[in-house]
All heavy atoms as atom14 arrays in JSON, in Angstrom:
{
  "sequence": "STLVVVLPWLIWSSVHAADVAPVLRGSYGRYLGWFLGGLHAGGLPFVV",
  "atom14_mask": [
    [1, 1, 1, 1, 1, 1, 0, 0, 0, 0, 0, 0, 0, 0],
    [1, 1, 1, 1, 1, 1, 1, 0, 0, 0, 0, 0, 0, 0],
    [1, 1, 1, 1, 1, 1, 1, 1, 0, 0, 0, 0, 0, 0],
    [1, 1, 1, 1, 1, 1, 1, 0, 0, 0, 0, 0, 0, 0],
    [1, 1, 1, 1, 1, 1, 1, 0, 0, 0, 0, 0, 0, 0],
    [1, 1, 1, 1, 1, 1, 1, 0, 0, 0, 0, 0, 0, 0],
    [1, 1, 1, 1, 1, 1, 1, 1, 0, 0, 0, 0, 0, 0],
    [1, 1, 1, 1, 1, 1, 1, 0, 0, 0, 0, 0, 0, 0],
    [1, 1, 1, 1, 1, 1, 1, 1, 1, 1, 1, 1, 1, 1],
    [1, 1, 1, 1, 1, 1, 1, 1, 0, 0, 0, 0, 0, 0],
    [1, 1, 1, 1, 1, 1, 1, 1, 0, 0, 0, 0, 0, 0],
    [1, 1, 1, 1, 1, 1, 1, 1, 1, 1, 1, 1, 1, 1],
    [1, 1, 1, 1, 1, 1, 0, 0, 0, 0, 0, 0, 0, 0],
    [1, 1, 1, 1, 1, 1, 0, 0, 0, 0, 0, 0, 0, 0],
    [1, 1, 1, 1, 1, 1, 1, 0, 0, 0, 0, 0, 0, 0],
    [1, 1, 1, 1, 1, 1, 1, 1, 1, 1, 0, 0, 0, 0],
    [1, 1, 1, 1, 1, 0, 0, 0, 0, 0, 0, 0, 0, 0],
    [1, 1, 1, 1, 1, 0, 0, 0, 0, 0, 0, 0, 0, 0],
    [1, 1, 1, 1, 1, 1, 1, 1, 0, 0, 0, 0, 0, 0],
    [1, 1, 1, 1, 1, 1, 1, 0, 0, 0, 0, 0, 0, 0],
    [1, 1, 1, 1, 1, 0, 0, 0, 0, 0, 0, 0, 0, 0],
    [1, 1, 1, 1, 1, 1, 1, 0, 0, 0, 0, 0, 0, 0],
    [1, 1, 1, 1, 1, 1, 1, 0, 0, 0, 0, 0, 0, 0],
    [1, 1, 1, 1, 1, 1, 1, 1, 0, 0, 0, 0, 0, 0],
    [1, 1, 1, 1, 1, 1, 1, 1, 1, 1, 1, 0, 0, 0],
    [1, 1, 1, 1, 0, 0, 0, 0, 0, 0, 0, 0, 0, 0],
    [1, 1, 1, 1, 1, 1, 0, 0, 0, 0, 0, 0, 0, 0],
    [1, 1, 1, 1, 1, 1, 1, 1, 1, 1, 1, 1, 0, 0],
    [1, 1, 1, 1, 0, 0, 0, 0, 0, 0, 0, 0, 0, 0],
    [1, 1, 1, 1, 1, 1, 1, 1, 1, 1, 1, 0, 0, 0],
    [1, 1, 1, 1, 1, 1, 1, 1, 1, 1, 1, 1, 0, 0],
    [1, 1, 1, 1, 1, 1, 1, 1, 0, 0, 0, 0, 0, 0],
    [1, 1, 1, 1, 0, 0, 0, 0, 0, 0, 0, 0, 0, 0],
    [1, 1, 1, 1, 1, 1, 1, 1, 1, 1, 1, 1, 1, 1],
    [1, 1, 1, 1, 1, 1, 1, 1, 1, 1, 1, 0, 0, 0],
    [1, 1, 1, 1, 1, 1, 1, 1, 0, 0, 0, 0, 0, 0],
    [1, 1, 1, 1, 0, 0, 0, 0, 0, 0, 0, 0, 0, 0],
    [1, 1, 1, 1, 0, 0, 0, 0, 0, 0, 0, 0, 0, 0],
    [1, 1, 1, 1, 1, 1, 1, 1, 0, 0, 0, 0, 0, 0],
    [1, 1, 1, 1, 1, 1, 1, 1, 1, 1, 0, 0, 0, 0],
    [1, 1, 1, 1, 1, 0, 0, 0, 0, 0, 0, 0, 0, 0],
    [1, 1, 1, 1, 0, 0, 0, 0, 0, 0, 0, 0, 0, 0],
    [1, 1, 1, 1, 0, 0, 0, 0, 0, 0, 0, 0, 0, 0],
    [1, 1, 1, 1, 1, 1, 1, 1, 0, 0, 0, 0, 0, 0],
    [1, 1, 1, 1, 1, 1, 1, 0, 0, 0, 0, 0, 0, 0],
    [1, 1, 1, 1, 1, 1, 1, 1, 1, 1, 1, 0, 0, 0],
    [1, 1, 1, 1, 1, 1, 1, 0, 0, 0, 0, 0, 0, 0],
    [1, 1, 1, 1, 1, 1, 1, 0, 0, 0, 0, 0, 0, 0]
  ],
  "atom14_positions": [
    [[87.26, 204.69, 79.39], [88.23, 205.68, 78.89], [89.23, 206.06, 79.97], [90.41, 206.31, 79.68], [87.5, 206.91, 78.36], [86.64, 207.45, 79.34], [0.0, 0.0, 0.0], [0.0, 0.0, 0.0], [0.0, 0.0, 0.0], [0.0, 0.0, 0.0], [0.0, 0.0, 0.0], [0.0, 0.0, 0.0], [0.0, 0.0, 0.0], [0.0, 0.0, 0.0]],
    [[88.8, 206.09, 81.22], [89.73, 206.38, 82.32], [90.78, 205.28, 82.43], [91.98, 205.56, 82.57], [88.97, 206.5, 83.65], [87.99, 207.52, 83.56], [89.93, 206.84, 84.79], [0.0, 0.0, 0.0], [0.0, 0.0, 0.0], [0.0, 0.0, 0.0], [0.0, 0.0, 0.0], [0.0, 0.0, 0.0], [0.0, 0.0, 0.0], [0.0, 0.0, 0.0]],
    [[90.35, 204.03, 82.34], [91.28, 202.91, 82.44], [92.28, 202.9, 81.3], [93.45, 202.53, 81.49], [90.51, 201.59, 82.49], [89.77, 201.3, 83.8], [88.93, 200.04, 83.67], [90.75, 201.17, 84.96], [0.0, 0.0, 0.0], [0.0, 0.0, 0.0], [0.0, 0.0, 0.0], [0.0, 0.0, 0.0], [0.0, 0.0, 0.0], [0.0, 0.0, 0.0]],
    [[91.85, 203.27, 80.11], [92.77, 203.32, 78.97], [93.93, 204.26, 79.27], [95.09, 203.99, 78.92], [92.02, 203.77, 77.7], [93.0, 204.13, 76.59], [91.08, 202.66, 77.23], [0.0, 0.0, 0.0], [0.0, 0.0, 0.0], [0.0, 0.0, 0.0], [0.0, 0.0, 0.0], [0.0, 0.0, 0.0], [0.0, 0.0, 0.0], [0.0, 0.0, 0.0]],
    [[93.65, 205.37, 79.93], [94.68, 206.36, 80.23], [95.61, 205.88, 81.35], [96.83, 206.03, 81.26], [94.04, 207.71, 80.6], [95.1, 208.72, 81.04], [93.24, 208.27, 79.44], [0.0, 0.0, 0.0], [0.0, 0.0, 0.0], [0.0, 0.0, 0.0], [0.0, 0.0, 0.0], [0.0, 0.0, 0.0], [0.0, 0.0, 0.0], [0.0, 0.0, 0.0]],
    [[95.05, 205.31, 82.41], [95.86, 205.0, 83.59], [96.41, 203.58, 83.58], [97.31, 203.26, 84.38], [95.04, 205.22, 84.89], [94.56, 206.65, 84.98], [93.88, 204.24, 85.0], [0.0, 0.0, 0.0], [0.0, 0.0, 0.0], [0.0, 0.0, 0.0], [0.0, 0.0, 0.0], [0.0, 0.0, 0.0], [0.0, 0.0, 0.0], [0.0, 0.0, 0.0]],
    [[95.91, 202.71, 82.69], [96.33, 201.3, 82.72], [97.84, 201.12, 82.53], [98.45, 200.3, 83.25], [95.56, 200.5, 81.67], [95.68, 198.97, 81.78], [95.2, 198.5, 83.15], [94.89, 198.29, 80.67], [0.0, 0.0, 0.0], [0.0, 0.0, 0.0], [0.0, 0.0, 0.0], [0.0, 0.0, 0.0], [0.0, 0.0, 0.0], [0.0, 0.0, 0.0]],
    [[98.5, 201.83, 81.6], [99.96, 201.66, 81.49], [100.69, 201.95, 82.79], [101.63, 201.24, 83.15], [100.34, 202.66, 80.39], [99.1, 202.8, 79.56], [97.98, 202.72, 80.54], [0.0, 0.0, 0.0], [0.0, 0.0, 0.0], [0.0, 0.0, 0.0], [0.0, 0.0, 0.0], [0.0, 0.0, 0.0], [0.0, 0.0, 0.0], [0.0, 0.0, 0.0]],
    [[100.27, 202.98, 83.5], [100.9, 203.29, 84.79], [100.62, 202.21, 85.82], [101.51, 201.83, 86.58], [100.42, 204.65, 85.29], [100.7, 204.92, 86.73], [99.8, 205.1, 87.74], [102.0, 205.02, 87.35], [100.43, 205.31, 88.94], [101.8, 205.26, 88.74], [103.31, 204.91, 86.88], [102.84, 205.41, 89.63], [104.35, 205.05, 87.79], [104.12, 205.3, 89.14]],
    [[99.4, 201.71, 85.85], [99.05, 200.66, 86.8], [99.87, 199.4, 86.53], [100.34, 198.73, 87.47], [97.55, 200.35, 86.73], [96.6, 201.48, 87.14], [95.15, 201.03, 86.97], [96.87, 201.91, 88.57], [0.0, 0.0, 0.0], [0.0, 0.0, 0.0], [0.0, 0.0, 0.0], [0.0, 0.0, 0.0], [0.0, 0.0, 0.0], [0.0, 0.0, 0.0]],
    [[100.05, 199.07, 85.27], [100.86, 197.9, 84.91], [102.32, 198.12, 85.31], [102.97, 197.25, 85.91], [100.74, 197.59, 83.41], [99.31, 197.17, 83.07], [101.74, 196.52, 82.99], [99.06, 196.99, 81.59], [0.0, 0.0, 0.0], [0.0, 0.0, 0.0], [0.0, 0.0, 0.0], [0.0, 0.0, 0.0], [0.0, 0.0, 0.0], [0.0, 0.0, 0.0]],
    [[102.85, 199.3, 84.97], [104.24, 199.62, 85.31], [104.48, 199.52, 86.81], [105.44, 198.88, 87.26], [104.57, 201.02, 84.81], [105.83, 201.62, 85.37], [105.96, 202.35, 86.53], [107.15, 201.54, 84.81], [107.27, 202.73, 86.73], [108.02, 202.24, 85.68], [107.68, 200.95, 83.67], [109.38, 202.37, 85.43], [109.05, 201.09, 83.42], [109.88, 201.78, 84.29]],
    [[103.61, 200.14, 87.59], [103.81, 200.16, 89.04], [103.63, 198.77, 89.65], [104.27, 198.44, 90.66], [102.86, 201.16, 89.7], [101.51, 200.85, 89.4], [0.0, 0.0, 0.0], [0.0, 0.0, 0.0], [0.0, 0.0, 0.0], [0.0, 0.0, 0.0], [0.0, 0.0, 0.0], [0.0, 0.0, 0.0], [0.0, 0.0, 0.0], [0.0, 0.0, 0.0]],
    [[102.79, 197.93, 89.04], [102.61, 196.57, 89.55], [103.82, 195.7, 89.23], [104.3, 194.95, 90.09], [101.35, 195.94, 88.95], [100.19, 196.63, 89.34], [0.0, 0.0, 0.0], [0.0, 0.0, 0.0], [0.0, 0.0, 0.0], [0.0, 0.0, 0.0], [0.0, 0.0, 0.0], [0.0, 0.0, 0.0], [0.0, 0.0, 0.0], [0.0, 0.0, 0.0]],
    [[104.32, 195.81, 88.01], [105.47, 195.0, 87.58], [106.71, 195.34, 88.4], [107.5, 194.46, 88.76], [105.72, 195.2, 86.07], [107.05, 194.57, 85.67], [104.58, 194.6, 85.26], [0.0, 0.0, 0.0], [0.0, 0.0, 0.0], [0.0, 0.0, 0.0], [0.0, 0.0, 0.0], [0.0, 0.0, 0.0], [0.0, 0.0, 0.0], [0.0, 0.0, 0.0]],
    [[106.89, 196.62, 88.71], [108.12, 197.07, 89.38], [107.92, 197.34, 90.88], [108.76, 197.98, 91.5], [108.63, 198.34, 88.71], [109.04, 198.14, 87.29], [110.23, 197.53, 86.94], [108.42, 198.47, 86.12], [110.33, 197.49, 85.61], [109.24, 198.05, 85.1], [0.0, 0.0, 0.0], [0.0, 0.0, 0.0], [0.0, 0.0, 0.0], [0.0, 0.0, 0.0]],
    [[106.82, 196.85, 91.45], [106.52, 197.13, 92.85], [107.61, 196.64, 93.79], [107.85, 197.24, 94.85], [105.19, 196.5, 93.23], [0.0, 0.0, 0.0], [0.0, 0.0, 0.0], [0.0, 0.0, 0.0], [0.0, 0.0, 0.0], [0.0, 0.0, 0.0], [0.0, 0.0, 0.0], [0.0, 0.0, 0.0], [0.0, 0.0, 0.0], [0.0, 0.0, 0.0]],
    [[108.28, 195.56, 93.43], [109.29, 194.98, 94.32], [110.71, 195.47, 94.02], [111.67, 194.99, 94.64], [109.25, 193.46, 94.22], [0.0, 0.0, 0.0], [0.0, 0.0, 0.0], [0.0, 0.0, 0.0], [0.0, 0.0, 0.0], [0.0, 0.0, 0.0], [0.0, 0.0, 0.0], [0.0, 0.0, 0.0], [0.0, 0.0, 0.0], [0.0, 0.0, 0.0]],
    [[110.86, 196.41, 93.1], [112.2, 196.88, 92.74], [112.87, 197.63, 93.88], [114.09, 197.56, 94.06], [112.14, 197.78, 91.5], [111.85, 197.0, 90.23], [111.5, 195.81, 90.34], [111.95, 197.58, 89.13], [0.0, 0.0, 0.0], [0.0, 0.0, 0.0], [0.0, 0.0, 0.0], [0.0, 0.0, 0.0], [0.0, 0.0, 0.0], [0.0, 0.0, 0.0]],
    [[112.08, 198.36, 94.64], [112.62, 199.14, 95.76], [112.81, 198.22, 96.96], [111.97, 197.36, 97.26], [111.68, 200.3, 96.11], [112.2, 201.07, 97.32], [111.5, 201.23, 94.92], [0.0, 0.0, 0.0], [0.0, 0.0, 0.0], [0.0, 0.0, 0.0], [0.0, 0.0, 0.0], [0.0, 0.0, 0.0], [0.0, 0.0, 0.0], [0.0, 0.0, 0.0]],
    [[113.93, 198.39, 97.66], [114.2, 197.58, 98.85], [113.07, 197.76, 99.88], [112.54, 198.85, 100.03], [115.53, 197.99, 99.46], [0.0, 0.0, 0.0], [0.0, 0.0, 0.0], [0.0, 0.0, 0.0], [0.0, 0.0, 0.0], [0.0, 0.0, 0.0], [0.0, 0.0, 0.0], [0.0, 0.0, 0.0], [0.0, 0.0, 0.0], [0.0, 0.0, 0.0]],
    [[112.69, 196.69, 100.58], [111.58, 196.77, 101.54], [111.72, 197.89, 102.56], [110.74, 198.53, 102.93], [111.59, 195.4, 102.21], [112.17, 194.48, 101.18], [113.2, 195.31, 100.46], [0.0, 0.0, 0.0], [0.0, 0.0, 0.0], [0.0, 0.0, 0.0], [0.0, 0.0, 0.0], [0.0, 0.0, 0.0], [0.0, 0.0, 0.0], [0.0, 0.0, 0.0]],
    [[112.94, 198.17, 103.0], [113.13, 199.19, 104.02], [112.81, 200.59, 103.51], [112.55, 201.51, 104.28], [114.58, 199.13, 104.56], [115.57, 199.61, 103.5], [114.71, 199.92, 105.85], [0.0, 0.0, 0.0], [0.0, 0.0, 0.0], [0.0, 0.0, 0.0], [0.0, 0.0, 0.0], [0.0, 0.0, 0.0], [0.0, 0.0, 0.0], [0.0, 0.0, 0.0]],
    [[112.81, 200.75, 102.18], [112.57, 202.07, 101.58], [111.16, 202.24, 101.01], [110.83, 203.29, 100.49], [113.58, 202.32, 100.45], [115.05, 202.39, 100.86], [115.93, 202.53, 99.62], [115.29, 203.55, 101.81], [0.0, 0.0, 0.0], [0.0, 0.0, 0.0], [0.0, 0.0, 0.0], [0.0, 0.0, 0.0], [0.0, 0.0, 0.0], [0.0, 0.0, 0.0]],
    [[110.33, 201.22, 101.1], [109.04, 201.26, 100.42], [108.06, 202.26, 101.03], [107.11, 202.67, 100.38], [108.43, 199.86, 100.36], [109.16, 198.97, 99.37], [108.65, 197.55, 99.34], [109.54, 196.71, 98.54], [109.46, 195.39, 98.48], [108.53, 194.74, 99.19], [110.31, 194.71, 97.73], [0.0, 0.0, 0.0], [0.0, 0.0, 0.0], [0.0, 0.0, 0.0]],
    [[108.28, 202.64, 102.26], [107.41, 203.65, 102.84], [107.52, 204.98, 102.14], [106.55, 205.72, 102.0], [0.0, 0.0, 0.0], [0.0, 0.0, 0.0], [0.0, 0.0, 0.0], [0.0, 0.0, 0.0], [0.0, 0.0, 0.0], [0.0, 0.0, 0.0], [0.0, 0.0, 0.0], [0.0, 0.0, 0.0], [0.0, 0.0, 0.0], [0.0, 0.0, 0.0]],
    [[108.73, 205.3, 101.65], [108.97, 206.57, 100.97], [109.04, 206.44, 99.46], [108.86, 207.43, 98.74], [110.28, 207.2, 101.47], [110.22, 207.47, 102.86], [0.0, 0.0, 0.0], [0.0, 0.0, 0.0], [0.0, 0.0, 0.0], [0.0, 0.0, 0.0], [0.0, 0.0, 0.0], [0.0, 0.0, 0.0], [0.0, 0.0, 0.0], [0.0, 0.0, 0.0]],
    [[109.33, 205.23, 98.96], [109.55, 205.05, 97.53], [108.64, 204.0, 96.9], [108.63, 203.86, 95.67], [111.01, 204.66, 97.26], [112.01, 205.75, 97.58], [112.61, 205.83, 98.83], [112.36, 206.7, 96.63], [113.53, 206.82, 99.13], [113.28, 207.69, 96.91], [113.85, 207.75, 98.17], [114.77, 208.74, 98.46], [0.0, 0.0, 0.0], [0.0, 0.0, 0.0]],
    [[107.91, 203.26, 97.71], [107.06, 202.21, 97.16], [105.67, 202.7, 96.79], [105.37, 203.9, 96.83], [0.0, 0.0, 0.0], [0.0, 0.0, 0.0], [0.0, 0.0, 0.0], [0.0, 0.0, 0.0], [0.0, 0.0, 0.0], [0.0, 0.0, 0.0], [0.0, 0.0, 0.0], [0.0, 0.0, 0.0], [0.0, 0.0, 0.0], [0.0, 0.0, 0.0]],
    [[104.8, 201.77, 96.46], [103.43, 202.12, 96.07], [102.64, 202.57, 97.3], [102.75, 202.01, 98.38], [102.74, 200.91, 95.42], [103.44, 200.4, 94.17], [102.76, 199.15, 93.65], [101.45, 199.46, 93.07], [100.55, 198.53, 92.73], [100.81, 197.26, 92.98], [99.41, 198.88, 92.19], [0.0, 0.0, 0.0], [0.0, 0.0, 0.0], [0.0, 0.0, 0.0]],
    [[101.81, 203.59, 97.08], [101.0, 204.12, 98.18], [100.07, 203.06, 98.76], [99.99, 202.88, 99.97], [100.14, 205.29, 97.68], [100.89, 206.57, 97.42], [101.05, 207.05, 96.12], [101.43, 207.31, 98.48], [101.73, 208.23, 95.88], [102.1, 208.5, 98.24], [102.25, 208.94, 96.94], [102.92, 210.12, 96.72], [0.0, 0.0, 0.0], [0.0, 0.0, 0.0]],
    [[99.35, 202.37, 97.88], [98.33, 201.44, 98.34], [98.92, 200.3, 99.14], [98.4, 199.93, 100.2], [97.54, 200.9, 97.14], [96.35, 199.99, 97.49], [95.33, 200.76, 98.33], [95.69, 199.45, 96.21], [0.0, 0.0, 0.0], [0.0, 0.0, 0.0], [0.0, 0.0, 0.0], [0.0, 0.0, 0.0], [0.0, 0.0, 0.0], [0.0, 0.0, 0.0]],
    [[100.03, 199.75, 98.66], [100.67, 198.65, 99.38], [101.15, 199.09, 100.75], [101.02, 198.35, 101.74], [0.0, 0.0, 0.0], [0.0, 0.0, 0.0], [0.0, 0.0, 0.0], [0.0, 0.0, 0.0], [0.0, 0.0, 0.0], [0.0, 0.0, 0.0], [0.0, 0.0, 0.0], [0.0, 0.0, 0.0], [0.0, 0.0, 0.0], [0.0, 0.0, 0.0]],
    [[101.7, 200.29, 100.84], [102.18, 200.82, 102.11], [101.03, 201.0, 103.1], [101.12, 200.61, 104.25], [102.88, 202.15, 101.85], [103.28, 202.92, 103.07], [104.29, 202.6, 103.95], [102.69, 204.12, 103.55], [104.36, 203.55, 104.94], [103.39, 204.5, 104.72], [101.66, 204.93, 103.1], [103.08, 205.64, 105.45], [101.35, 206.07, 103.82], [102.05, 206.41, 104.98]],
    [[99.92, 201.58, 102.62], [98.77, 201.82, 103.5], [98.13, 200.51, 103.93], [97.79, 200.32, 105.11], [97.75, 202.71, 102.79], [96.53, 203.01, 103.62], [96.6, 203.92, 104.66], [95.33, 202.38, 103.35], [95.48, 204.2, 105.43], [94.2, 202.65, 104.11], [94.28, 203.57, 105.16], [0.0, 0.0, 0.0], [0.0, 0.0, 0.0], [0.0, 0.0, 0.0]],
    [[97.95, 199.59, 102.98], [97.34, 198.32, 103.32], [98.21, 197.52, 104.28], [97.7, 196.77, 105.13], [97.06, 197.51, 102.05], [95.97, 198.06, 101.13], [95.82, 197.18, 99.9], [94.64, 198.19, 101.87], [0.0, 0.0, 0.0], [0.0, 0.0, 0.0], [0.0, 0.0, 0.0], [0.0, 0.0, 0.0], [0.0, 0.0, 0.0], [0.0, 0.0, 0.0]],
    [[99.53, 197.67, 104.15], [100.43, 197.0, 105.09], [100.22, 197.5, 106.52], [100.17, 196.71, 107.46], [0.0, 0.0, 0.0], [0.0, 0.0, 0.0], [0.0, 0.0, 0.0], [0.0, 0.0, 0.0], [0.0, 0.0, 0.0], [0.0, 0.0, 0.0], [0.0, 0.0, 0.0], [0.0, 0.0, 0.0], [0.0, 0.0, 0.0], [0.0, 0.0, 0.0]],
    [[100.09, 198.82, 106.65], [99.82, 199.38, 107.97], [98.46, 198.97, 108.5], [98.3, 198.68, 109.69], [0.0, 0.0, 0.0], [0.0, 0.0, 0.0], [0.0, 0.0, 0.0], [0.0, 0.0, 0.0], [0.0, 0.0, 0.0], [0.0, 0.0, 0.0], [0.0, 0.0, 0.0], [0.0, 0.0, 0.0], [0.0, 0.0, 0.0], [0.0, 0.0, 0.0]],
    [[97.48, 198.91, 107.59], [96.13, 198.51, 107.98], [96.11, 197.04, 108.42], [95.43, 196.68, 109.39], [95.17, 198.73, 106.82], [93.68, 198.57, 107.11], [93.23, 199.59, 108.15], [92.86, 198.75, 105.82], [0.0, 0.0, 0.0], [0.0, 0.0, 0.0], [0.0, 0.0, 0.0], [0.0, 0.0, 0.0], [0.0, 0.0, 0.0], [0.0, 0.0, 0.0]],
    [[96.86, 196.21, 107.71], [96.92, 194.79, 108.06], [97.59, 194.59, 109.42], [97.17, 193.75, 110.22], [97.69, 194.03, 106.98], [97.88, 192.57, 107.29], [96.86, 191.64, 107.2], [98.99, 191.88, 107.7], [97.32, 190.46, 107.54], [98.61, 190.57, 107.84], [0.0, 0.0, 0.0], [0.0, 0.0, 0.0], [0.0, 0.0, 0.0], [0.0, 0.0, 0.0]],
    [[98.62, 195.39, 109.66], [99.36, 195.23, 110.92], [98.62, 195.84, 112.11], [98.63, 195.28, 113.21], [100.74, 195.87, 110.79], [0.0, 0.0, 0.0], [0.0, 0.0, 0.0], [0.0, 0.0, 0.0], [0.0, 0.0, 0.0], [0.0, 0.0, 0.0], [0.0, 0.0, 0.0], [0.0, 0.0, 0.0], [0.0, 0.0, 0.0], [0.0, 0.0, 0.0]],
    [[97.95, 196.98, 111.87], [97.33, 197.7, 112.98], [95.83, 197.56, 113.09], [95.25, 197.81, 114.15], [0.0, 0.0, 0.0], [0.0, 0.0, 0.0], [0.0, 0.0, 0.0], [0.0, 0.0, 0.0], [0.0, 0.0, 0.0], [0.0, 0.0, 0.0], [0.0, 0.0, 0.0], [0.0, 0.0, 0.0], [0.0, 0.0, 0.0], [0.0, 0.0, 0.0]],
    [[95.17, 197.19, 111.96], [93.72, 197.03, 111.97], [92.98, 198.33, 112.24], [93.49, 199.43, 112.01], [0.0, 0.0, 0.0], [0.0, 0.0, 0.0], [0.0, 0.0, 0.0], [0.0, 0.0, 0.0], [0.0, 0.0, 0.0], [0.0, 0.0, 0.0], [0.0, 0.0, 0.0], [0.0, 0.0, 0.0], [0.0, 0.0, 0.0], [0.0, 0.0, 0.0]],
    [[91.78, 198.21, 112.76], [90.94, 199.37, 113.04], [91.58, 200.34, 114.03], [91.47, 201.56, 113.85], [89.57, 198.92, 113.55], [88.53, 200.03, 113.8], [88.26, 200.81, 112.53], [87.25, 199.43, 114.37], [0.0, 0.0, 0.0], [0.0, 0.0, 0.0], [0.0, 0.0, 0.0], [0.0, 0.0, 0.0], [0.0, 0.0, 0.0], [0.0, 0.0, 0.0]],
    [[92.27, 199.86, 115.07], [92.94, 200.81, 115.98], [93.94, 201.72, 115.26], [94.11, 202.88, 115.65], [93.64, 199.9, 116.99], [92.82, 198.66, 117.01], [92.35, 198.48, 115.59], [0.0, 0.0, 0.0], [0.0, 0.0, 0.0], [0.0, 0.0, 0.0], [0.0, 0.0, 0.0], [0.0, 0.0, 0.0], [0.0, 0.0, 0.0], [0.0, 0.0, 0.0]],
    [[94.58, 201.2, 114.23], [95.51, 202.0, 113.43], [94.79, 203.16, 112.75], [95.24, 204.3, 112.76], [96.19, 201.09, 112.39], [96.83, 201.81, 111.25], [98.03, 202.47, 111.41], [96.24, 201.8, 109.99], [98.62, 203.13, 110.34], [96.82, 202.44, 108.92], [98.02, 203.12, 109.09], [0.0, 0.0, 0.0], [0.0, 0.0, 0.0], [0.0, 0.0, 0.0]],
    [[93.61, 202.88, 112.17], [92.83, 203.92, 111.5], [92.33, 204.94, 112.51], [92.39, 206.16, 112.28], [91.64, 203.28, 110.74], [90.75, 204.36, 110.13], [92.15, 202.33, 109.67], [0.0, 0.0, 0.0], [0.0, 0.0, 0.0], [0.0, 0.0, 0.0], [0.0, 0.0, 0.0], [0.0, 0.0, 0.0], [0.0, 0.0, 0.0], [0.0, 0.0, 0.0]],
    [[91.8, 204.46, 113.63], [91.27, 205.37, 114.66], [92.37, 206.26, 115.22], [92.19, 207.47, 115.41], [90.6, 204.56, 115.79], [90.19, 205.47, 116.94], [89.39, 203.8, 115.25], [0.0, 0.0, 0.0], [0.0, 0.0, 0.0], [0.0, 0.0, 0.0], [0.0, 0.0, 0.0], [0.0, 0.0, 0.0], [0.0, 0.0, 0.0], [0.0, 0.0, 0.0]]
  ]
}
């Protein structure tokens, strides 16, 4: 039942994830992609 409610938003945000210019995605892009990007670049030292 939770997925039924949030699935349209998840689909929308996935389909349009690349609409915002890369330079603006920190402030206007998806939260998860932004965080995972920092995690990928910085690894555990980034989290610490």
